[in-house]
């Protein structure tokens, strides 16, 4: 079974974080107790391996970057 971009969106919308192969993505609103600190629909993509951290307001852009980092090879 191949996972597509819509599957990743559904997981993020449901409130889960995805950690896979050197990259992670989450909706910050789901992780902060005081929602005043994170505007709605602010997504975080990070990778310790690639020393990358970025916030996105657009989920499509965040997923694109997540997939890029996840599939990146040395």
C-alpha atoms as a PDB file:
ATOM      1  CA  UNK A   1       0.000   0.000   0.000  1.00  0.00           C
ATOM      2  CA  UNK A   2       1.430   3.339  -1.034  1.00  0.00           C
ATOM      3  CA  UNK A   3       0.853   6.345   1.210  1.00  0.00           C
ATOM      4  CA  UNK A   4      -0.044   9.561  -0.592  1.00  0.00           C
ATOM      5  CA  UNK A   5      -0.096  13.204   0.425  1.00  0.00           C
ATOM      6  CA  UNK A   6      -3.787  13.066   1.413  1.00  0.00           C
ATOM      7  CA  UNK A   7      -3.031  10.272   3.884  1.00  0.00           C
ATOM      8  CA  UNK A   8      -0.415  12.448   5.583  1.00  0.00           C
ATOM      9  CA  UNK A   9      -2.916  15.329   5.756  1.00  0.00           C
ATOM     10  CA  UNK A  10      -5.513  13.113   7.419  1.00  0.00           C
ATOM     11  CA  UNK A  11      -3.037  12.022  10.091  1.00  0.00           C
ATOM     12  CA  UNK A  12      -1.976  15.603  10.849  1.00  0.00           C
ATOM     13  CA  UNK A  13      -5.613  16.804  10.956  1.00  0.00           C
ATOM     14  CA  UNK A  14      -6.438  14.035  13.421  1.00  0.00           C
ATOM     15  CA  UNK A  15      -3.869  15.478  15.838  1.00  0.00           C
ATOM     16  CA  UNK A  16      -1.009  13.051  15.399  1.00  0.00           C
ATOM     17  CA  UNK A  17       2.663  13.707  14.799  1.00  0.00           C
ATOM     18  CA  UNK A  18       4.438  11.848  12.032  1.00  0.00           C
ATOM     19  CA  UNK A  19       8.020  10.781  12.659  1.00  0.00           C
ATOM     20  CA  UNK A  20       9.599   8.894   9.856  1.00  0.00           C
ATOM     21  CA  UNK A  21      13.083   8.354   8.567  1.00  0.00           C
ATOM     22  CA  UNK A  22      14.963  11.388   9.807  1.00  0.00           C
ATOM     23  CA  UNK A  23      12.090  13.884   9.638  1.00  0.00           C
ATOM     24  CA  UNK A  24       9.026  14.866  11.677  1.00  0.00           C
ATOM     25  CA  UNK A  25       5.914  16.958  11.182  1.00  0.00           C
ATOM     26  CA  UNK A  26       3.191  18.129  13.561  1.00  0.00           C
ATOM     27  CA  UNK A  27       0.471  20.720  14.013  1.00  0.00           C
ATOM     28  CA  UNK A  28       1.733  23.005  16.781  1.00  0.00           C
ATOM     29  CA  UNK A  29      -1.790  23.847  17.879  1.00  0.00           C
ATOM     30  CA  UNK A  30      -2.204  20.251  19.025  1.00  0.00           C
ATOM     31  CA  UNK A  31       0.951  20.364  21.176  1.00  0.00           C
ATOM     32  CA  UNK A  32       0.737  23.694  22.975  1.00  0.00           C
ATOM     33  CA  UNK A  33      -1.420  23.889  26.086  1.00  0.00           C
ATOM     34  CA  UNK A  34      -2.014  27.624  25.738  1.00  0.00           C
ATOM     35  CA  UNK A  35      -3.245  28.061  22.197  1.00  0.00           C
ATOM     36  CA  UNK A  36      -2.489  31.792  22.347  1.00  0.00           C
ATOM     37  CA  UNK A  37       1.129  30.974  21.507  1.00  0.00           C
ATOM     38  CA  UNK A  38       0.463  29.188  18.202  1.00  0.00           C
ATOM     39  CA  UNK A  39      -1.803  30.550  15.488  1.00  0.00           C
ATOM     40  CA  UNK A  40      -4.227  28.045  14.052  1.00  0.00           C
ATOM     41  CA  UNK A  41      -2.825  25.722  11.437  1.00  0.00           C
ATOM     42  CA  UNK A  42       0.826  26.355  12.076  1.00  0.00           C
ATOM     43  CA  UNK A  43       2.837  23.296  11.144  1.00  0.00           C
ATOM     44  CA  UNK A  44       6.343  22.421  12.223  1.00  0.00           C
ATOM     45  CA  UNK A  45       8.734  20.317  10.148  1.00  0.00           C
ATOM     46  CA  UNK A  46      12.116  19.347  11.571  1.00  0.00           C
ATOM     47  CA  UNK A  47      15.012  17.029  11.066  1.00  0.00           C
ATOM     48  CA  UNK A  48      17.933  16.664  13.443  1.00  0.00           C
ATOM     49  CA  UNK A  49      19.874  14.713  10.865  1.00  0.00           C
ATOM     50  CA  UNK A  50      19.636  17.465   8.245  1.00  0.00           C
ATOM     51  CA  UNK A  51      19.712  20.293  10.819  1.00  0.00           C
ATOM     52  CA  UNK A  52      16.448  21.712   9.559  1.00  0.00           C
ATOM     53  CA  UNK A  53      13.579  23.383  11.408  1.00  0.00           C
ATOM     54  CA  UNK A  54      10.804  25.395   9.793  1.00  0.00           C
ATOM     55  CA  UNK A  55       7.272  26.570  10.574  1.00  0.00           C
ATOM     56  CA  UNK A  56       4.595  26.606   7.870  1.00  0.00           C
ATOM     57  CA  UNK A  57       1.091  28.064   7.661  1.00  0.00           C
ATOM     58  CA  UNK A  58       0.244  25.918   4.647  1.00  0.00           C
ATOM     59  CA  UNK A  59      -0.076  22.179   5.260  1.00  0.00           C
ATOM     60  CA  UNK A  60       0.704  21.279   1.633  1.00  0.00           C
ATOM     61  CA  UNK A  61       4.035  23.105   1.817  1.00  0.00           C
ATOM     62  CA  UNK A  62       4.833  21.474   5.153  1.00  0.00           C
ATOM     63  CA  UNK A  63       4.096  17.989   3.821  1.00  0.00           C
ATOM     64  CA  UNK A  64       6.153  18.630   0.684  1.00  0.00           C
ATOM     65  CA  UNK A  65       9.155  19.605   2.817  1.00  0.00           C
ATOM     66  CA  UNK A  66       8.593  16.680   5.181  1.00  0.00           C
ATOM     67  CA  UNK A  67       8.587  14.240   2.255  1.00  0.00           C
ATOM     68  CA  UNK A  68      11.696  15.877   0.793  1.00  0.00           C
ATOM     69  CA  UNK A  69      13.591  15.448   4.079  1.00  0.00           C
ATOM     70  CA  UNK A  70      12.211  11.965   4.672  1.00  0.00           C
ATOM     71  CA  UNK A  71      13.397  10.747   1.278  1.00  0.00           C
ATOM     72  CA  UNK A  72      16.691  12.655   1.249  1.00  0.00           C
ATOM     73  CA  UNK A  73      19.799  10.510   1.120  1.00  0.00           C
ATOM     74  CA  UNK A  74      23.417  11.385   1.844  1.00  0.00           C
END
